[in-house]
Amino acid sequence: MLATFFLTLCAGCSVGSGTPTTISAAIAGVQADLTKAGVVSTSHAAEWSADQAARFEANVRALQCAQHTSDPVVAMISGPVTMNLTGSFTQSGSFSVSSLTTIPVFGIGADASRTHGQGLSLPVQFVPLGSLADAEMAREVEYAGALLAQNDEVRHAEGDRIQKDRRELTQNILELVAAFQSLKCPKGKKALPFTGMRNI
């Protein structure tokens, strides 16, 4: 009886670890999740295709209907998505990433739990629809960074493009806000987050 108890205790003392995965699988998983989230682009509004404009309009309509207002609060991915991967090199020389797990460890006089995992940074900004064009412009200005610090044709061209995108996005939003009063809201339309990334 005492031996069985001791074996059970020792089995609990062993440190478990998550199933290892590759870096490419971890990155592909994040990309798949972002795609599944169905984010809608706000970038380069002056260059949108008819399909991109239709997706933006449909998402704004869904947000307006869900919040019963012409100027709803919208979620926007406002910066780059970053991952901190933790793992180790295998004997074959490849890098192995631990899967996201929290594994309790039991033992006499031992710490109760240990965690293995990765960090994911997803900067999300919540703004009123009427301020979305300004938020997107701020994101583009930050992204352009060093280009806008130069005093040459590249800087002026980039600045002009950002201003043109802001005007176009603002015009789209103003039209959608003005038309909200006559909008017949469809049932069950899912509202999605916006993103400054051009394609996902």
N, C-alpha and C. Protein backbone atom coordinates (compact mmCIF):
# COMPACT_ATOMS: atom_id res chain seq x y z
N MET A 1 0.83 -1.19 0.00
CA MET A 1 0.00 0.00 0.00
C MET A 1 0.87 1.26 0.00
N LEU A 2 1.90 1.25 0.89
CA LEU A 2 2.81 2.38 0.97
C LEU A 2 3.61 2.52 -0.33
N ALA A 3 4.00 1.37 -0.93
CA ALA A 3 4.74 1.40 -2.20
C ALA A 3 3.89 1.99 -3.32
N THR A 4 2.61 1.63 -3.37
CA THR A 4 1.71 2.17 -4.39
C THR A 4 1.56 3.68 -4.25
N PHE A 5 1.41 4.15 -2.99
CA PHE A 5 1.28 5.58 -2.73
C PHE A 5 2.55 6.31 -3.18
N PHE A 6 3.73 5.72 -2.86
CA PHE A 6 5.00 6.33 -3.21
C PHE A 6 5.18 6.41 -4.73
N LEU A 7 4.81 5.33 -5.45
CA LEU A 7 4.92 5.33 -6.91
C LEU A 7 4.00 6.38 -7.54
N THR A 8 2.78 6.50 -6.99
CA THR A 8 1.84 7.50 -7.49
C THR A 8 2.39 8.90 -7.29
N LEU A 9 3.00 9.13 -6.13
CA LEU A 9 3.57 10.44 -5.83
C LEU A 9 4.73 10.76 -6.76
N CYS A 10 5.60 9.76 -6.99
CA CYS A 10 6.76 9.97 -7.87
C CYS A 10 6.33 10.21 -9.32
N ALA A 11 5.27 9.53 -9.74
CA ALA A 11 4.77 9.73 -11.10
C ALA A 11 4.30 11.16 -11.27
N GLY A 12 3.71 11.72 -10.20
CA GLY A 12 3.25 13.11 -10.25
C GLY A 12 4.40 14.09 -10.22
N CYS A 13 5.57 13.65 -9.71
CA CYS A 13 6.71 14.55 -9.60
C CYS A 13 7.37 14.82 -10.94
N SER A 14 7.20 13.94 -11.90
CA SER A 14 7.89 14.13 -13.18
C SER A 14 7.34 15.36 -13.88
N VAL A 15 8.26 16.11 -14.45
CA VAL A 15 7.87 17.35 -15.12
C VAL A 15 7.38 17.02 -16.52
N GLY A 16 6.12 17.32 -16.78
CA GLY A 16 5.58 17.11 -18.12
C GLY A 16 5.94 18.28 -19.00
N SER A 17 5.89 18.07 -20.29
CA SER A 17 6.09 19.19 -21.21
C SER A 17 5.12 19.04 -22.36
N GLY A 18 4.78 20.17 -22.94
CA GLY A 18 3.82 20.16 -24.04
C GLY A 18 4.39 19.46 -25.25
N THR A 19 3.52 19.03 -26.11
CA THR A 19 3.96 18.41 -27.35
C THR A 19 4.70 19.43 -28.18
N PRO A 20 5.95 19.15 -28.58
CA PRO A 20 6.70 20.15 -29.36
C PRO A 20 6.14 20.30 -30.76
N THR A 21 6.32 21.48 -31.29
CA THR A 21 5.88 21.77 -32.66
C THR A 21 6.97 22.60 -33.33
N THR A 22 6.89 22.79 -34.63
CA THR A 22 7.92 23.55 -35.35
C THR A 22 7.55 25.02 -35.38
N ILE A 23 8.54 25.86 -35.67
CA ILE A 23 8.29 27.30 -35.79
C ILE A 23 7.29 27.56 -36.91
N SER A 24 7.46 26.86 -38.04
CA SER A 24 6.55 27.08 -39.18
C SER A 24 5.12 26.72 -38.81
N ALA A 25 4.94 25.66 -38.00
CA ALA A 25 3.59 25.28 -37.58
C ALA A 25 3.00 26.32 -36.64
N ALA A 26 3.83 26.87 -35.75
CA ALA A 26 3.36 27.91 -34.82
C ALA A 26 2.93 29.16 -35.58
N ILE A 27 3.74 29.58 -36.56
CA ILE A 27 3.42 30.77 -37.35
C ILE A 27 2.18 30.52 -38.20
N ALA A 28 2.12 29.35 -38.82
CA ALA A 28 0.95 29.01 -39.64
C ALA A 28 -0.33 29.00 -38.80
N GLY A 29 -0.21 28.55 -37.54
CA GLY A 29 -1.37 28.53 -36.66
C GLY A 29 -1.90 29.92 -36.37
N VAL A 30 -0.98 30.88 -36.12
CA VAL A 30 -1.39 32.26 -35.86
C VAL A 30 -2.02 32.87 -37.11
N GLN A 31 -1.41 32.62 -38.29
CA GLN A 31 -1.97 33.14 -39.53
C GLN A 31 -3.37 32.57 -39.78
N ALA A 32 -3.54 31.29 -39.49
CA ALA A 32 -4.84 30.66 -39.69
C ALA A 32 -5.88 31.26 -38.76
N ASP A 33 -5.48 31.54 -37.50
CA ASP A 33 -6.41 32.15 -36.55
C ASP A 33 -6.82 33.55 -36.98
N LEU A 34 -5.86 34.33 -37.49
CA LEU A 34 -6.18 35.68 -37.96
C LEU A 34 -7.11 35.62 -39.16
N THR A 35 -6.86 34.66 -40.05
CA THR A 35 -7.74 34.50 -41.22
C THR A 35 -9.14 34.09 -40.78
N LYS A 36 -9.19 33.18 -39.80
CA LYS A 36 -10.48 32.71 -39.29
C LYS A 36 -11.25 33.85 -38.62
N ALA A 37 -10.52 34.80 -38.03
CA ALA A 37 -11.17 35.94 -37.40
C ALA A 37 -11.83 36.84 -38.44
N GLY A 38 -11.42 36.72 -39.70
CA GLY A 38 -12.07 37.45 -40.79
C GLY A 38 -11.86 38.94 -40.74
N VAL A 39 -10.64 39.37 -40.33
CA VAL A 39 -10.38 40.79 -40.21
C VAL A 39 -10.59 41.51 -41.55
N VAL A 40 -11.03 42.77 -41.47
CA VAL A 40 -11.34 43.57 -42.66
C VAL A 40 -10.31 44.69 -42.76
N SER A 41 -9.70 44.84 -43.92
CA SER A 41 -8.62 45.81 -44.10
C SER A 41 -9.12 47.25 -44.13
N THR A 42 -8.30 48.15 -43.56
CA THR A 42 -8.55 49.59 -43.68
C THR A 42 -7.40 50.27 -44.43
N SER A 43 -6.40 49.51 -44.84
CA SER A 43 -5.22 50.07 -45.50
C SER A 43 -5.48 50.41 -46.97
N HIS A 44 -4.78 51.46 -47.43
CA HIS A 44 -4.76 51.84 -48.85
C HIS A 44 -6.18 51.97 -49.42
N ALA A 45 -7.03 52.70 -48.72
CA ALA A 45 -8.43 52.84 -49.12
C ALA A 45 -8.59 53.42 -50.52
N ALA A 46 -7.65 54.26 -50.95
CA ALA A 46 -7.74 54.87 -52.28
C ALA A 46 -7.50 53.85 -53.39
N GLU A 47 -6.96 52.68 -53.03
CA GLU A 47 -6.65 51.66 -54.04
C GLU A 47 -7.53 50.42 -53.91
N TRP A 48 -8.61 50.49 -53.12
CA TRP A 48 -9.46 49.33 -52.91
C TRP A 48 -10.13 48.85 -54.19
N SER A 49 -10.23 47.55 -54.29
CA SER A 49 -11.05 46.95 -55.36
C SER A 49 -12.51 47.03 -54.93
N ALA A 50 -13.42 46.72 -55.84
CA ALA A 50 -14.85 46.73 -55.51
C ALA A 50 -15.14 45.72 -54.40
N ASP A 51 -14.43 44.59 -54.42
CA ASP A 51 -14.64 43.56 -53.40
C ASP A 51 -14.20 44.04 -52.02
N GLN A 52 -13.05 44.72 -51.94
CA GLN A 52 -12.57 45.25 -50.66
C GLN A 52 -13.53 46.29 -50.10
N ALA A 53 -14.02 47.17 -50.98
CA ALA A 53 -14.97 48.20 -50.55
C ALA A 53 -16.27 47.57 -50.05
N ALA A 54 -16.71 46.51 -50.72
CA ALA A 54 -17.94 45.83 -50.32
C ALA A 54 -17.78 45.14 -48.96
N ARG A 55 -16.61 44.54 -48.73
CA ARG A 55 -16.35 43.89 -47.43
C ARG A 55 -16.33 44.92 -46.32
N PHE A 56 -15.70 46.08 -46.57
CA PHE A 56 -15.65 47.14 -45.57
C PHE A 56 -17.07 47.63 -45.26
N GLU A 57 -17.85 47.89 -46.28
CA GLU A 57 -19.22 48.37 -46.09
C GLU A 57 -20.06 47.36 -45.32
N ALA A 58 -19.97 46.09 -45.70
CA ALA A 58 -20.74 45.04 -45.03
C ALA A 58 -20.38 44.95 -43.55
N ASN A 59 -19.09 45.11 -43.24
CA ASN A 59 -18.67 45.02 -41.84
C ASN A 59 -19.13 46.23 -41.04
N VAL A 60 -19.07 47.42 -41.65
CA VAL A 60 -19.57 48.61 -40.97
C VAL A 60 -21.06 48.46 -40.70
N ARG A 61 -21.82 47.97 -41.68
CA ARG A 61 -23.26 47.77 -41.51
C ARG A 61 -23.54 46.79 -40.36
N ALA A 62 -22.74 45.73 -40.28
CA ALA A 62 -22.93 44.74 -39.21
C ALA A 62 -22.66 45.37 -37.84
N LEU A 63 -21.63 46.21 -37.76
CA LEU A 63 -21.31 46.89 -36.50
C LEU A 63 -22.40 47.89 -36.12
N GLN A 64 -22.88 48.64 -37.11
CA GLN A 64 -23.94 49.61 -36.84
C GLN A 64 -25.20 48.91 -36.33
N CYS A 65 -25.55 47.81 -36.96
CA CYS A 65 -26.75 47.07 -36.58
C CYS A 65 -26.59 46.43 -35.20
N ALA A 66 -25.39 45.89 -34.93
CA ALA A 66 -25.15 45.23 -33.64
C ALA A 66 -25.22 46.23 -32.49
N GLN A 67 -24.75 47.47 -32.73
CA GLN A 67 -24.71 48.48 -31.66
C GLN A 67 -25.86 49.49 -31.76
N HIS A 68 -26.69 49.37 -32.80
CA HIS A 68 -27.86 50.25 -32.99
C HIS A 68 -27.47 51.72 -33.01
N THR A 69 -26.41 52.04 -33.71
CA THR A 69 -25.96 53.42 -33.83
C THR A 69 -25.23 53.62 -35.15
N SER A 70 -25.27 54.85 -35.65
CA SER A 70 -24.59 55.14 -36.91
C SER A 70 -23.08 55.24 -36.73
N ASP A 71 -22.63 55.49 -35.49
CA ASP A 71 -21.20 55.67 -35.22
C ASP A 71 -20.75 54.68 -34.14
N PRO A 72 -20.70 53.39 -34.48
CA PRO A 72 -20.36 52.38 -33.47
C PRO A 72 -18.88 52.41 -33.10
N VAL A 73 -18.56 51.82 -31.96
CA VAL A 73 -17.17 51.62 -31.57
C VAL A 73 -16.65 50.41 -32.33
N VAL A 74 -15.48 50.55 -32.93
CA VAL A 74 -14.93 49.45 -33.72
C VAL A 74 -13.59 49.01 -33.14
N ALA A 75 -13.27 47.73 -33.31
CA ALA A 75 -11.97 47.18 -32.89
C ALA A 75 -11.05 47.19 -34.09
N MET A 76 -9.83 47.66 -33.89
CA MET A 76 -8.86 47.74 -34.98
C MET A 76 -7.52 47.19 -34.51
N ILE A 77 -6.97 46.25 -35.27
CA ILE A 77 -5.60 45.78 -35.00
C ILE A 77 -4.68 46.90 -35.47
N SER A 78 -4.06 47.59 -34.51
CA SER A 78 -3.39 48.85 -34.83
C SER A 78 -1.89 48.76 -34.97
N GLY A 79 -1.35 47.56 -34.99
CA GLY A 79 0.10 47.42 -35.12
C GLY A 79 0.46 46.02 -35.52
N PRO A 80 1.75 45.75 -35.67
CA PRO A 80 2.16 44.41 -36.09
C PRO A 80 1.89 43.36 -35.01
N VAL A 81 1.54 42.17 -35.45
CA VAL A 81 1.35 41.04 -34.55
C VAL A 81 2.72 40.40 -34.32
N THR A 82 3.11 40.26 -33.05
CA THR A 82 4.42 39.67 -32.76
C THR A 82 4.26 38.46 -31.85
N MET A 83 5.17 37.51 -31.99
CA MET A 83 5.17 36.29 -31.18
C MET A 83 6.51 36.13 -30.49
N ASN A 84 6.48 35.72 -29.23
CA ASN A 84 7.68 35.32 -28.51
C ASN A 84 7.62 33.81 -28.35
N LEU A 85 8.46 33.10 -29.08
CA LEU A 85 8.45 31.64 -29.03
C LEU A 85 9.51 31.13 -28.07
N THR A 86 9.16 30.15 -27.25
CA THR A 86 10.14 29.52 -26.37
C THR A 86 10.28 28.06 -26.78
N GLY A 87 11.48 27.55 -26.71
CA GLY A 87 11.68 26.16 -27.12
C GLY A 87 13.12 25.76 -26.96
N SER A 88 13.54 24.73 -27.68
CA SER A 88 14.91 24.24 -27.55
C SER A 88 15.35 23.56 -28.84
N PHE A 89 16.68 23.44 -28.99
CA PHE A 89 17.21 22.75 -30.16
C PHE A 89 17.18 21.24 -29.93
N THR A 90 16.80 20.52 -30.95
CA THR A 90 16.79 19.06 -30.87
C THR A 90 18.16 18.53 -31.29
N GLN A 91 18.36 17.22 -31.16
CA GLN A 91 19.64 16.60 -31.56
C GLN A 91 19.89 16.75 -33.05
N SER A 92 18.81 16.83 -33.82
CA SER A 92 18.99 16.98 -35.27
C SER A 92 19.36 18.40 -35.66
N GLY A 93 19.33 19.33 -34.68
CA GLY A 93 19.71 20.71 -34.97
C GLY A 93 18.54 21.61 -35.29
N SER A 94 17.32 21.08 -35.31
CA SER A 94 16.17 21.93 -35.57
C SER A 94 15.65 22.51 -34.26
N PHE A 95 14.92 23.61 -34.37
CA PHE A 95 14.40 24.29 -33.19
C PHE A 95 12.98 23.83 -32.94
N SER A 96 12.70 23.42 -31.72
CA SER A 96 11.38 22.90 -31.36
C SER A 96 10.69 23.87 -30.42
N VAL A 97 9.44 24.21 -30.73
CA VAL A 97 8.66 25.14 -29.92
C VAL A 97 7.68 24.36 -29.08
N SER A 98 7.64 24.65 -27.78
CA SER A 98 6.68 23.98 -26.91
C SER A 98 5.28 24.47 -27.22
N SER A 99 4.30 23.58 -27.16
CA SER A 99 2.92 24.00 -27.40
C SER A 99 2.41 24.76 -26.18
N LEU A 100 1.32 25.51 -26.36
CA LEU A 100 0.74 26.29 -25.27
C LEU A 100 0.11 25.35 -24.24
N THR A 101 0.75 25.21 -23.10
CA THR A 101 0.20 24.33 -22.07
C THR A 101 0.49 24.88 -20.69
N THR A 102 -0.30 24.50 -19.73
CA THR A 102 -0.03 24.75 -18.32
C THR A 102 -0.11 23.41 -17.64
N ILE A 103 1.02 22.92 -17.11
CA ILE A 103 1.07 21.56 -16.58
C ILE A 103 1.33 21.60 -15.08
N PRO A 104 0.38 21.13 -14.26
CA PRO A 104 0.63 21.09 -12.82
C PRO A 104 1.66 20.01 -12.48
N VAL A 105 2.52 20.31 -11.54
CA VAL A 105 3.53 19.35 -11.10
C VAL A 105 3.37 19.15 -9.59
N PHE A 106 3.24 17.91 -9.16
CA PHE A 106 3.03 17.62 -7.74
C PHE A 106 4.26 16.96 -7.16
N GLY A 107 4.58 17.25 -5.91
CA GLY A 107 5.71 16.59 -5.26
C GLY A 107 5.81 17.03 -3.81
N ILE A 108 6.56 16.29 -3.05
CA ILE A 108 6.73 16.61 -1.64
C ILE A 108 7.67 17.81 -1.52
N GLY A 109 7.15 18.88 -0.95
CA GLY A 109 7.97 20.08 -0.77
C GLY A 109 8.34 20.78 -2.06
N ALA A 110 7.69 20.44 -3.17
CA ALA A 110 8.01 21.05 -4.46
C ALA A 110 7.01 22.15 -4.78
N ASP A 111 7.39 23.01 -5.73
CA ASP A 111 6.47 24.05 -6.19
C ASP A 111 5.27 23.39 -6.86
N ALA A 112 4.10 24.00 -6.72
CA ALA A 112 2.87 23.35 -7.16
C ALA A 112 2.67 23.35 -8.68
N SER A 113 3.19 24.32 -9.37
CA SER A 113 2.93 24.34 -10.82
C SER A 113 4.05 25.02 -11.59
N ARG A 114 4.16 24.63 -12.84
CA ARG A 114 5.12 25.24 -13.76
C ARG A 114 4.41 25.45 -15.08
N THR A 115 4.84 26.43 -15.85
CA THR A 115 4.14 26.76 -17.09
C THR A 115 5.12 26.81 -18.26
N HIS A 116 4.70 26.25 -19.38
CA HIS A 116 5.44 26.38 -20.63
C HIS A 116 4.52 27.11 -21.60
N GLY A 117 5.02 28.07 -22.33
CA GLY A 117 4.11 28.73 -23.27
C GLY A 117 4.80 29.77 -24.13
N GLN A 118 4.01 30.39 -25.00
CA GLN A 118 4.49 31.43 -25.89
C GLN A 118 3.69 32.69 -25.63
N GLY A 119 4.29 33.83 -25.95
CA GLY A 119 3.58 35.09 -25.83
C GLY A 119 3.19 35.59 -27.20
N LEU A 120 1.99 36.13 -27.33
CA LEU A 120 1.51 36.70 -28.58
C LEU A 120 1.07 38.13 -28.32
N SER A 121 1.62 39.07 -29.05
CA SER A 121 1.24 40.47 -28.88
C SER A 121 0.36 40.88 -30.05
N LEU A 122 -0.87 41.29 -29.73
CA LEU A 122 -1.83 41.69 -30.75
C LEU A 122 -2.40 43.04 -30.33
N PRO A 123 -1.81 44.16 -30.79
CA PRO A 123 -2.27 45.48 -30.35
C PRO A 123 -3.63 45.81 -30.96
N VAL A 124 -4.64 45.94 -30.11
CA VAL A 124 -6.00 46.24 -30.58
C VAL A 124 -6.42 47.59 -30.01
N GLN A 125 -6.93 48.43 -30.87
CA GLN A 125 -7.37 49.77 -30.49
C GLN A 125 -8.89 49.85 -30.72
N PHE A 126 -9.61 50.44 -29.78
CA PHE A 126 -11.05 50.62 -29.92
C PHE A 126 -11.32 52.10 -30.17
N VAL A 127 -11.93 52.40 -31.31
CA VAL A 127 -12.22 53.79 -31.68
C VAL A 127 -13.63 53.89 -32.25
N PRO A 128 -14.25 55.08 -32.16
CA PRO A 128 -15.53 55.26 -32.84
C PRO A 128 -15.31 55.17 -34.36
N LEU A 129 -16.30 54.70 -35.07
CA LEU A 129 -16.20 54.59 -36.53
C LEU A 129 -15.77 55.91 -37.15
N GLY A 130 -16.30 57.02 -36.63
CA GLY A 130 -15.96 58.34 -37.18
C GLY A 130 -14.49 58.70 -37.04
N SER A 131 -13.78 58.03 -36.13
CA SER A 131 -12.35 58.30 -35.93
C SER A 131 -11.45 57.24 -36.57
N LEU A 132 -12.05 56.29 -37.27
CA LEU A 132 -11.28 55.17 -37.83
C LEU A 132 -10.26 55.65 -38.86
N ALA A 133 -10.63 56.63 -39.69
CA ALA A 133 -9.69 57.13 -40.71
C ALA A 133 -8.48 57.78 -40.07
N ASP A 134 -8.70 58.51 -38.96
CA ASP A 134 -7.57 59.14 -38.26
C ASP A 134 -6.68 58.08 -37.61
N ALA A 135 -7.32 57.04 -37.03
CA ALA A 135 -6.54 55.97 -36.40
C ALA A 135 -5.71 55.22 -37.44
N GLU A 136 -6.30 54.98 -38.61
CA GLU A 136 -5.56 54.30 -39.68
C GLU A 136 -4.43 55.18 -40.19
N MET A 137 -4.66 56.49 -40.32
CA MET A 137 -3.60 57.39 -40.76
C MET A 137 -2.45 57.39 -39.76
N ALA A 138 -2.77 57.43 -38.46
CA ALA A 138 -1.72 57.40 -37.43
C ALA A 138 -0.92 56.11 -37.53
N ARG A 139 -1.59 54.97 -37.78
CA ARG A 139 -0.89 53.70 -37.93
C ARG A 139 0.04 53.73 -39.14
N GLU A 140 -0.45 54.30 -40.26
CA GLU A 140 0.37 54.36 -41.47
C GLU A 140 1.56 55.29 -41.30
N VAL A 141 1.35 56.41 -40.60
CA VAL A 141 2.46 57.34 -40.35
C VAL A 141 3.54 56.66 -39.50
N GLU A 142 3.10 55.94 -38.46
CA GLU A 142 4.07 55.22 -37.62
C GLU A 142 4.79 54.14 -38.42
N TYR A 143 4.06 53.46 -39.29
CA TYR A 143 4.66 52.40 -40.10
C TYR A 143 5.65 52.98 -41.11
N ALA A 144 5.31 54.14 -41.68
CA ALA A 144 6.20 54.76 -42.68
C ALA A 144 7.49 55.24 -42.04
N GLY A 145 7.41 55.65 -40.77
CA GLY A 145 8.59 55.99 -39.97
C GLY A 145 9.66 56.80 -40.67
N ALA A 146 10.77 56.12 -40.97
CA ALA A 146 11.96 56.78 -41.53
C ALA A 146 11.68 57.42 -42.88
N LEU A 147 10.75 56.88 -43.65
CA LEU A 147 10.44 57.48 -44.95
C LEU A 147 9.95 58.92 -44.80
N LEU A 148 9.13 59.15 -43.77
CA LEU A 148 8.58 60.50 -43.56
C LEU A 148 9.58 61.43 -42.89
N ALA A 149 10.67 60.88 -42.36
CA ALA A 149 11.71 61.72 -41.75
C ALA A 149 12.64 62.32 -42.79
N GLN A 150 12.63 61.76 -44.00
CA GLN A 150 13.49 62.26 -45.07
C GLN A 150 12.88 63.54 -45.66
N ASN A 151 13.71 64.33 -46.30
CA ASN A 151 13.21 65.53 -46.97
C ASN A 151 13.48 65.39 -48.46
N ASP A 152 12.74 64.50 -49.09
CA ASP A 152 12.94 64.25 -50.51
C ASP A 152 11.62 63.86 -51.15
N GLU A 153 11.66 63.45 -52.40
CA GLU A 153 10.44 63.11 -53.14
C GLU A 153 9.73 61.89 -52.55
N VAL A 154 10.51 60.96 -52.00
CA VAL A 154 9.91 59.76 -51.40
C VAL A 154 9.01 60.16 -50.24
N ARG A 155 9.49 61.06 -49.40
CA ARG A 155 8.70 61.53 -48.26
C ARG A 155 7.41 62.18 -48.74
N HIS A 156 7.50 63.06 -49.73
CA HIS A 156 6.32 63.77 -50.20
C HIS A 156 5.32 62.82 -50.86
N ALA A 157 5.84 61.86 -51.60
CA ALA A 157 4.95 60.89 -52.25
C ALA A 157 4.23 60.03 -51.21
N GLU A 158 4.95 59.60 -50.19
CA GLU A 158 4.35 58.78 -49.14
C GLU A 158 3.34 59.58 -48.33
N GLY A 159 3.69 60.82 -48.02
CA GLY A 159 2.76 61.69 -47.30
C GLY A 159 1.48 61.94 -48.08
N ASP A 160 1.63 62.18 -49.39
CA ASP A 160 0.46 62.39 -50.25
C ASP A 160 -0.42 61.15 -50.31
N ARG A 161 0.22 59.97 -50.38
CA ARG A 161 -0.54 58.72 -50.45
C ARG A 161 -1.34 58.50 -49.17
N ILE A 162 -0.71 58.76 -48.02
CA ILE A 162 -1.39 58.58 -46.74
C ILE A 162 -2.58 59.54 -46.62
N GLN A 163 -2.38 60.80 -47.04
CA GLN A 163 -3.47 61.78 -47.00
C GLN A 163 -4.61 61.38 -47.94
N LYS A 164 -4.26 60.87 -49.10
CA LYS A 164 -5.28 60.44 -50.07
C LYS A 164 -6.08 59.26 -49.51
N ASP A 165 -5.39 58.31 -48.87
CA ASP A 165 -6.07 57.16 -48.25
C ASP A 165 -7.01 57.63 -47.14
N ARG A 166 -6.56 58.60 -46.34
CA ARG A 166 -7.38 59.11 -45.25
C ARG A 166 -8.65 59.78 -45.79
N ARG A 167 -8.49 60.60 -46.84
CA ARG A 167 -9.66 61.27 -47.43
C ARG A 167 -10.67 60.26 -47.97
N GLU A 168 -10.15 59.23 -48.65
CA GLU A 168 -11.04 58.21 -49.23
C GLU A 168 -11.77 57.41 -48.15
N LEU A 169 -11.04 57.01 -47.11
CA LEU A 169 -11.65 56.26 -46.02
C LEU A 169 -12.67 57.12 -45.28
N THR A 170 -12.33 58.39 -45.06
CA THR A 170 -13.27 59.32 -44.40
C THR A 170 -14.55 59.46 -45.21
N GLN A 171 -14.41 59.60 -46.53
CA GLN A 171 -15.59 59.74 -47.39
C GLN A 171 -16.47 58.49 -47.33
N ASN A 172 -15.85 57.33 -47.37
CA ASN A 172 -16.61 56.06 -47.26
C ASN A 172 -17.39 56.01 -45.95
N ILE A 173 -16.73 56.37 -44.87
CA ILE A 173 -17.35 56.32 -43.55
C ILE A 173 -18.51 57.31 -43.44
N LEU A 174 -18.29 58.56 -43.92
CA LEU A 174 -19.35 59.58 -43.86
C LEU A 174 -20.60 59.13 -44.62
N GLU A 175 -20.40 58.48 -45.76
CA GLU A 175 -21.54 58.00 -46.54
C GLU A 175 -22.29 56.89 -45.80
N LEU A 176 -21.55 55.99 -45.16
CA LEU A 176 -22.17 54.90 -44.42
C LEU A 176 -22.91 55.40 -43.17
N VAL A 177 -22.33 56.41 -42.51
CA VAL A 177 -22.97 56.99 -41.33
C VAL A 177 -24.27 57.69 -41.73
N ALA A 178 -24.22 58.46 -42.82
CA ALA A 178 -25.39 59.20 -43.28
C ALA A 178 -26.52 58.28 -43.72
N ALA A 179 -26.17 57.13 -44.28
CA ALA A 179 -27.19 56.21 -44.80
C ALA A 179 -27.74 55.27 -43.74
N PHE A 180 -27.25 55.35 -42.50
CA PHE A 180 -27.66 54.39 -41.48
C PHE A 180 -29.16 54.47 -41.15
N GLN A 181 -29.73 55.67 -41.17
CA GLN A 181 -31.13 55.84 -40.77
C GLN A 181 -32.09 54.99 -41.62
N SER A 182 -31.77 54.83 -42.89
CA SER A 182 -32.64 54.07 -43.77
C SER A 182 -32.23 52.60 -43.89
N LEU A 183 -31.23 52.21 -43.11
CA LEU A 183 -30.70 50.84 -43.21
C LEU A 183 -31.65 49.83 -42.56
N LYS A 184 -31.92 48.76 -43.27
CA LYS A 184 -32.67 47.65 -42.71
C LYS A 184 -31.65 46.59 -42.29
N CYS A 185 -31.55 46.39 -41.00
CA CYS A 185 -30.52 45.50 -40.47
C CYS A 185 -30.88 44.03 -40.70
N PRO A 186 -30.00 43.29 -41.38
CA PRO A 186 -30.23 41.85 -41.52
C PRO A 186 -29.93 41.14 -40.21
N LYS A 187 -30.57 40.04 -39.98
CA LYS A 187 -30.34 39.28 -38.74
C LYS A 187 -29.15 38.34 -38.92
N GLY A 188 -28.36 38.21 -37.86
CA GLY A 188 -27.29 37.22 -37.85
C GLY A 188 -26.03 37.59 -38.59
N LYS A 189 -25.85 38.85 -39.00
CA LYS A 189 -24.63 39.26 -39.69
C LYS A 189 -23.54 39.49 -38.65
N LYS A 190 -22.41 38.80 -38.79
CA LYS A 190 -21.33 38.86 -37.81
C LYS A 190 -20.44 40.08 -38.06
N ALA A 191 -20.16 40.85 -37.00
CA ALA A 191 -19.24 41.98 -37.09
C ALA A 191 -17.82 41.49 -36.85
N LEU A 192 -16.86 41.99 -37.64
CA LEU A 192 -15.47 41.54 -37.59
C LEU A 192 -14.55 42.69 -37.22
N PRO A 193 -13.35 42.38 -36.70
CA PRO A 193 -12.39 43.46 -36.39
C PRO A 193 -11.77 44.01 -37.67
N PHE A 194 -11.34 45.27 -37.61
CA PHE A 194 -10.62 45.88 -38.72
C PHE A 194 -9.12 45.72 -38.49
N THR A 195 -8.36 45.81 -39.55
CA THR A 195 -6.91 45.74 -39.41
C THR A 195 -6.24 46.68 -40.40
N GLY A 196 -5.09 47.20 -39.98
CA GLY A 196 -4.31 48.06 -40.86
C GLY A 196 -3.47 47.26 -41.84
N MET A 197 -3.38 45.93 -41.65
CA MET A 197 -2.59 45.10 -42.56
C MET A 197 -3.32 44.99 -43.89
N ARG A 198 -2.58 45.03 -44.96
CA ARG A 198 -3.20 45.08 -46.27
C ARG A 198 -3.86 43.76 -46.64
N ASN A 199 -3.19 42.68 -46.44
CA ASN A 199 -3.75 41.36 -46.75
C ASN A 199 -3.41 40.39 -45.65
N ILE A 200 -4.35 39.51 -45.34
CA ILE A 200 -4.07 38.43 -44.38
C ILE A 200 -4.55 37.15 -45.00
